[in-house]
Amino acid sequence: MKGTVYKSTGSWYTVKAENGKFYDCRIKGKFRLKGIKSTNPVAVGDHVEYELEETSDTVTGVIKTIQERENHIIRKSVNLSKQTHIIAANVDLVFLVITLNNPPTFTSFIDRFLVTCEAYHIKAVLLFNKIDTYTLEEKGEIKYLAEMYRRIGYTCLGTSAITGTNVDEVKTLMTGKTSMFAGHSGVGKSTLVNAIEPTLDLKTKAISEQHAQGQHTTTFAEMYDLDFDARIIDTPGIKGFGVVDIEKEELGSYFPEFFALKEHCKFNNCLHLEEPHCAVKNALENDELDWSRYRSYVQILEGDDEGFRRDIYDSP
């Protein structure tokens, strides 16, 4: 039998069968013996083959095969730095939900996330959320950031679940696709999803004032079918986002504005650091590129995997 994984709790997976029924499934032990470095070999969005097992009172399944993925998005495991965690698989579109404050989202986090999307061939859209809560000055900061990322080629929208700002535009982008919403805890992912599809009634919690961070209301990834021909994957809040499995020589290719200039560098393997006649460095000096993007690039290149404020995003 074939189906799609809609929910993962670590040991059990909810699989939607081709006939629309849902079954609780587990995986065969050998999945963990195939050299898979991920903490979760099966992810929400995976297309799988499984067999049903019936007892006197329950029907459960055993996942036998994971079909080849179109793509997936991963991050470093929180506690096991040598392992990765697959957030979701077979994603058409990922929305990164961003807040200027309450809690703050720094450009280093945004850039790490975008690099991973580029590397794994997933289209990303930036949602600057809670737009109704900002002062005029703060709205100016958001406008500056949005214009910076639009110049690179990313779609940026200001959103508010309270006022409904651009909620319909987000729904239009989602139609016919499997979308994922990601971001720090407390940026309003669940509230925004509830505005998009009120019948879901996803749980939300207030921001923790002590740490200016959200409380983790979503503890595992789960996919939902929506009323307007769309599927959504809701994910746990992400504290940090370490870039995984990208060689130094490849990194510049995942910064689109750097990649566009690469052919004009003197050296084919230019890392855009101290090399002479570097088109990227020249563009920076001429204010044709944004220094915050370059700082993120250097941080990743130097292995500073968590170049964001640990004191804000890491729990004590």
Protein backbone atom coordinates (compact mmCIF):
# COMPACT_ATOMS: atom_id res chain seq x y z
CA MET A 1 0.00 0.00 0.00
CA LYS A 2 1.12 3.55 -0.70
CA GLY A 3 0.51 6.75 1.24
CA THR A 4 1.91 10.08 2.44
CA VAL A 5 3.22 10.84 5.92
CA TYR A 6 1.09 13.56 7.52
CA LYS A 7 2.39 13.50 11.07
CA SER A 8 5.53 12.46 12.91
CA THR A 9 5.90 12.10 16.65
CA GLY A 10 9.32 10.47 16.53
CA SER A 11 8.33 6.84 16.88
CA TRP A 12 4.93 6.76 15.17
CA TYR A 13 3.84 8.23 11.85
CA THR A 14 0.35 9.05 10.64
CA VAL A 15 0.05 8.00 7.01
CA LYS A 16 -2.75 9.04 4.67
CA ALA A 17 -3.59 6.20 2.32
CA GLU A 18 -4.49 6.67 -1.33
CA ASN A 19 -8.12 6.04 -0.39
CA GLY A 20 -8.05 8.93 2.09
CA LYS A 21 -7.93 6.86 5.28
CA PHE A 22 -5.33 7.53 7.97
CA TYR A 23 -3.23 4.83 9.67
CA ASP A 24 -0.74 4.96 12.54
CA CYS A 25 2.50 3.40 11.30
CA ARG A 26 5.92 2.59 12.65
CA ILE A 27 9.14 1.94 10.75
CA LYS A 28 11.20 -1.16 10.37
CA GLY A 29 14.38 -1.12 12.43
CA LYS A 30 16.68 -1.48 9.45
CA PHE A 31 15.89 2.07 8.34
CA ARG A 32 18.23 3.20 11.08
CA LEU A 33 21.03 0.93 9.82
CA LYS A 34 21.37 2.25 6.28
CA GLY A 35 23.85 4.99 7.04
CA ILE A 36 21.12 7.57 7.46
CA LYS A 37 22.59 10.34 9.62
CA SER A 38 19.25 11.96 10.24
CA THR A 39 17.55 11.63 13.61
CA ASN A 40 14.30 10.99 11.73
CA PRO A 41 14.64 8.79 8.64
CA VAL A 42 10.96 9.31 7.80
CA ALA A 43 9.65 12.87 7.54
CA VAL A 44 6.31 14.57 7.09
CA GLY A 45 5.64 14.80 3.35
CA ASP A 46 7.39 11.52 2.55
CA HIS A 47 5.66 9.18 0.12
CA VAL A 48 5.93 5.68 1.57
CA GLU A 49 4.93 2.09 1.01
CA TYR A 50 3.57 0.24 4.01
CA GLU A 51 1.81 -2.93 5.11
CA LEU A 52 -1.10 -3.12 7.52
CA GLU A 53 -1.09 -5.27 10.63
CA GLU A 54 -4.43 -6.12 12.22
CA THR A 55 -5.04 -7.19 15.80
CA SER A 56 -8.32 -7.86 17.53
CA ASP A 57 -8.97 -4.17 18.20
CA THR A 58 -6.55 -2.07 16.13
CA VAL A 59 -5.14 -1.70 12.63
CA THR A 60 -1.64 -0.25 12.37
CA GLY A 61 0.96 -0.19 9.64
CA VAL A 62 4.65 -0.84 9.12
CA ILE A 63 6.51 1.44 6.71
CA LYS A 64 8.62 -0.67 4.37
CA THR A 65 9.93 1.81 1.80
CA ILE A 66 10.46 5.54 1.44
CA GLN A 67 10.00 6.66 -2.16
CA GLU A 68 12.56 8.98 -3.68
CA ARG A 69 12.10 12.54 -2.50
CA GLU A 70 11.70 15.50 -4.85
CA ASN A 71 13.40 17.56 -2.16
CA HIS A 72 13.67 17.95 1.58
CA ILE A 73 14.73 20.60 4.02
CA ILE A 74 17.05 19.82 6.92
CA ARG A 75 18.82 21.44 9.82
CA LYS A 76 21.33 20.27 12.38
CA SER A 77 19.90 18.22 15.19
CA VAL A 78 19.54 20.30 18.37
CA ASN A 79 21.50 18.02 20.67
CA LEU A 80 23.46 15.86 18.22
CA SER A 81 25.55 18.22 16.12
CA LYS A 82 26.86 15.43 13.86
CA GLN A 83 23.35 14.44 12.90
CA THR A 84 20.68 16.23 10.94
CA HIS A 85 16.95 16.55 11.36
CA ILE A 86 14.71 16.45 8.29
CA ILE A 87 12.03 19.09 8.85
CA ALA A 88 9.86 18.07 5.88
CA ALA A 89 10.03 16.39 2.46
CA ASN A 90 8.47 17.03 -0.95
CA VAL A 91 7.79 20.69 -0.24
CA ASP A 92 6.71 23.04 -3.05
CA LEU A 93 7.00 26.27 -1.09
CA VAL A 94 8.32 27.34 2.29
CA PHE A 95 7.18 30.47 4.10
CA LEU A 96 9.70 31.84 6.58
CA VAL A 97 7.73 33.85 9.13
CA ILE A 98 9.77 36.77 10.47
CA THR A 99 9.20 39.30 13.24
CA LEU A 100 11.30 42.39 13.85
CA ASN A 101 10.89 41.98 17.60
CA ASN A 102 8.80 39.97 20.03
CA PRO A 103 10.76 37.80 19.22
CA PRO A 104 13.50 39.27 17.00
CA THR A 105 14.56 37.46 13.83
CA PHE A 106 18.09 38.34 12.77
CA THR A 107 19.31 38.44 9.19
CA SER A 108 21.92 35.76 9.94
CA PHE A 109 19.09 33.31 10.70
CA ILE A 110 17.13 34.37 7.60
CA ASP A 111 20.19 33.94 5.39
CA ARG A 112 21.00 30.48 6.77
CA PHE A 113 17.46 29.40 6.09
CA LEU A 114 17.53 30.78 2.54
CA VAL A 115 20.85 29.08 1.83
CA THR A 116 19.35 25.75 2.83
CA CYS A 117 16.29 26.37 0.64
CA GLU A 118 18.55 27.20 -2.31
CA ALA A 119 20.70 24.12 -1.71
CA TYR A 120 17.70 21.79 -1.54
CA HIS A 121 15.76 23.42 -4.41
CA ILE A 122 12.82 24.74 -2.41
CA LYS A 123 11.25 28.09 -3.25
CA ALA A 124 11.14 30.43 -0.25
CA VAL A 125 8.84 33.36 0.56
CA LEU A 126 9.53 35.78 3.42
CA LEU A 127 6.54 36.83 5.54
CA PHE A 128 7.19 39.85 7.77
CA ASN A 129 4.50 39.10 10.31
CA LYS A 130 2.65 41.11 12.99
CA ILE A 131 2.84 44.13 10.69
CA ASP A 132 -0.01 45.73 12.67
CA THR A 133 2.09 45.96 15.86
CA TYR A 134 5.00 48.06 14.61
CA THR A 135 5.77 51.75 15.00
CA LEU A 136 6.40 53.92 11.95
CA GLU A 137 10.14 53.61 12.50
CA GLU A 138 9.94 49.82 12.82
CA LYS A 139 7.88 49.63 9.65
CA GLY A 140 10.69 51.52 7.95
CA GLU A 141 13.15 48.83 9.08
CA ILE A 142 10.88 46.10 7.70
CA LYS A 143 10.55 47.96 4.41
CA TYR A 144 14.34 48.18 4.18
CA LEU A 145 14.75 44.44 4.83
CA ALA A 146 11.98 43.49 2.40
CA GLU A 147 13.51 45.63 -0.34
CA MET A 148 16.90 44.05 0.27
CA TYR A 149 15.56 40.53 -0.17
CA ARG A 150 13.34 41.51 -3.11
CA ARG A 151 16.43 42.79 -4.95
CA ILE A 152 17.90 39.32 -4.57
CA GLY A 153 14.75 37.77 -6.04
CA TYR A 154 12.72 36.65 -3.01
CA THR A 155 9.01 37.34 -2.63
CA CYS A 156 8.35 39.36 0.54
CA LEU A 157 4.99 40.14 2.12
CA GLY A 158 3.96 42.01 5.24
CA THR A 159 1.30 39.96 7.05
CA SER A 160 -1.03 40.22 10.01
CA ALA A 161 -3.43 37.57 11.25
CA ILE A 162 -5.24 40.25 13.28
CA THR A 163 -6.02 42.62 10.42
CA GLY A 164 -5.89 40.03 7.64
CA THR A 165 -3.16 41.94 5.79
CA ASN A 166 -2.01 39.89 2.76
CA VAL A 167 -3.63 36.68 4.06
CA ASP A 168 -5.43 36.25 0.73
CA GLU A 169 -2.14 36.77 -1.14
CA VAL A 170 -0.55 33.99 0.92
CA LYS A 171 -3.50 31.69 0.13
CA THR A 172 -3.07 32.40 -3.58
CA LEU A 173 0.60 31.41 -3.40
CA MET A 174 -0.33 28.21 -1.53
CA THR A 175 -3.07 27.02 -3.90
CA GLY A 176 -2.27 23.70 -5.52
CA LYS A 177 0.92 23.29 -3.49
CA THR A 178 2.36 21.68 -0.37
CA SER A 179 3.66 24.55 1.74
CA MET A 180 5.64 24.68 4.95
CA PHE A 181 5.58 27.46 7.54
CA ALA A 182 8.77 27.91 9.56
CA GLY A 183 10.37 30.43 11.89
CA HIS A 184 11.26 31.06 15.51
CA SER A 185 8.77 30.17 18.21
CA GLY A 186 6.47 33.10 18.85
CA VAL A 187 6.60 34.72 15.40
CA GLY A 188 2.94 33.82 14.93
CA LYS A 189 3.04 30.84 12.58
CA SER A 190 0.06 29.07 14.13
CA THR A 191 -1.97 32.26 14.43
CA LEU A 192 -1.29 33.06 10.78
CA VAL A 193 -2.21 29.53 9.68
CA ASN A 194 -5.44 29.81 11.69
CA ALA A 195 -6.24 33.01 9.78
CA ILE A 196 -5.62 31.20 6.50
CA GLU A 197 -7.74 28.19 7.51
CA PRO A 198 -9.79 28.93 10.68
CA THR A 199 -11.14 25.38 10.89
CA LEU A 200 -7.67 24.07 11.81
CA ASP A 201 -7.67 25.89 15.17
CA LEU A 202 -3.96 25.30 15.78
CA LYS A 203 -2.83 25.90 19.36
CA THR A 204 -1.13 29.20 20.12
CA LYS A 205 0.56 30.63 23.21
CA ALA A 206 1.66 34.06 24.32
CA ILE A 207 5.25 35.21 24.05
CA SER A 208 7.44 34.55 27.08
CA GLU A 209 8.28 38.04 28.35
CA GLN A 210 11.29 36.83 30.30
CA HIS A 211 13.18 35.61 27.26
CA ALA A 212 11.33 37.48 24.48
CA GLN A 213 10.81 34.17 22.77
CA GLY A 214 7.86 32.01 21.96
CA GLN A 215 6.83 28.97 23.86
CA HIS A 216 6.92 25.86 21.73
CA THR A 217 3.27 25.16 20.98
CA THR A 218 3.97 22.91 18.00
CA THR A 219 6.06 19.97 19.22
CA PHE A 220 6.15 17.97 16.00
CA ALA A 221 5.61 18.52 12.30
CA GLU A 222 2.16 17.86 10.90
CA MET A 223 0.55 18.30 7.48
CA TYR A 224 -3.03 19.38 6.95
CA ASP A 225 -5.34 19.35 3.92
CA LEU A 226 -6.92 22.75 3.40
CA ASP A 227 -10.26 23.66 1.85
CA PHE A 228 -8.75 25.55 -1.09
CA ASP A 229 -6.70 22.80 -2.78
CA ALA A 230 -3.61 23.20 -0.66
CA ARG A 231 -1.63 21.33 1.97
CA ILE A 232 0.26 22.94 4.81
CA ILE A 233 3.04 21.61 7.02
CA ASP A 234 3.17 23.23 10.45
CA THR A 235 6.56 22.85 12.15
CA PRO A 236 8.02 23.37 15.62
CA GLY A 237 9.65 26.72 16.27
CA ILE A 238 13.29 26.73 15.19
CA LYS A 239 15.82 28.20 17.63
CA GLY A 240 18.87 28.01 15.41
CA PHE A 241 19.53 26.94 11.87
CA GLY A 242 22.93 25.39 11.18
CA VAL A 243 23.79 24.93 7.51
CA VAL A 244 24.44 21.28 6.69
CA ASP A 245 26.49 19.43 4.06
CA ILE A 246 27.53 22.41 1.96
CA GLU A 247 31.15 22.65 0.77
CA LYS A 248 32.92 26.00 1.07
CA GLU A 249 33.37 26.19 -2.69
CA GLU A 250 29.62 25.71 -3.19
CA LEU A 251 28.36 28.22 -0.64
CA GLY A 252 28.53 31.28 -2.88
CA SER A 253 26.25 29.55 -5.38
CA TYR A 254 23.46 29.60 -2.79
CA PHE A 255 23.65 33.38 -2.45
CA PRO A 256 21.97 34.28 -5.77
CA GLU A 257 23.44 37.77 -5.95
CA PHE A 258 26.96 36.37 -5.41
CA PHE A 259 26.44 33.60 -7.95
CA ALA A 260 25.40 36.17 -10.58
CA LEU A 261 28.82 37.85 -10.23
CA LYS A 262 30.98 34.74 -9.89
CA GLU A 263 31.92 34.54 -13.58
CA HIS A 264 33.52 37.98 -13.30
CA CYS A 265 35.90 36.91 -10.51
CA LYS A 266 39.51 36.34 -11.59
CA PHE A 267 39.59 32.85 -10.09
CA ASN A 268 36.98 30.16 -10.78
CA ASN A 269 37.25 28.92 -7.19
CA CYS A 270 37.08 32.39 -5.63
CA LEU A 271 35.72 32.34 -2.07
CA HIS A 272 35.18 36.12 -2.11
CA LEU A 273 37.50 36.68 0.84
CA GLU A 274 41.00 37.99 0.14
CA GLU A 275 41.37 36.97 -3.51
CA PRO A 276 42.40 39.70 -5.96
CA HIS A 277 39.94 40.97 -8.57
CA CYS A 278 36.91 39.52 -6.79
CA ALA A 279 33.67 40.75 -8.37
CA VAL A 280 31.72 40.22 -5.15
CA LYS A 281 34.13 42.30 -3.04
CA ASN A 282 34.17 45.00 -5.72
CA ALA A 283 30.37 45.11 -5.73
CA LEU A 284 30.36 45.41 -1.94
CA GLU A 285 32.78 48.32 -2.02
CA ASN A 286 30.54 50.02 -4.58
CA ASP A 287 27.43 49.46 -2.42
CA GLU A 288 25.92 47.19 -5.05
CA LEU A 289 25.53 44.32 -2.56
CA ASP A 290 24.33 44.28 1.04
CA TRP A 291 26.94 43.91 3.74
CA SER A 292 24.60 41.98 6.06
CA ARG A 293 24.36 39.24 3.43
CA TYR A 294 28.12 39.16 3.08
CA ARG A 295 28.59 38.93 6.86
CA SER A 296 26.21 35.95 6.92
CA TYR A 297 28.20 34.36 4.10
CA VAL A 298 31.49 34.75 5.97
CA GLN A 299 29.98 33.42 9.20
CA ILE A 300 28.78 30.28 7.46
CA LEU A 301 32.07 29.92 5.57
CA GLU A 302 34.05 30.10 8.80
CA GLY A 303 31.87 27.46 10.41
CA ASP A 304 30.05 29.80 12.76
CA ASP A 305 26.92 27.69 12.47
CA GLU A 306 24.92 29.59 15.01
CA GLY A 307 25.81 33.21 14.39
CA PHE A 308 22.63 34.49 16.00
CA ARG A 309 22.00 35.62 19.57
CA ARG A 310 22.18 32.46 21.66
CA ASP A 311 20.99 34.32 24.74
CA ILE A 312 17.70 35.10 23.03
CA TYR A 313 16.97 31.89 21.21
CA ASP A 314 18.43 29.18 23.42
CA SER A 315 16.49 28.10 26.45
CA PRO A 316 18.43 28.22 29.74
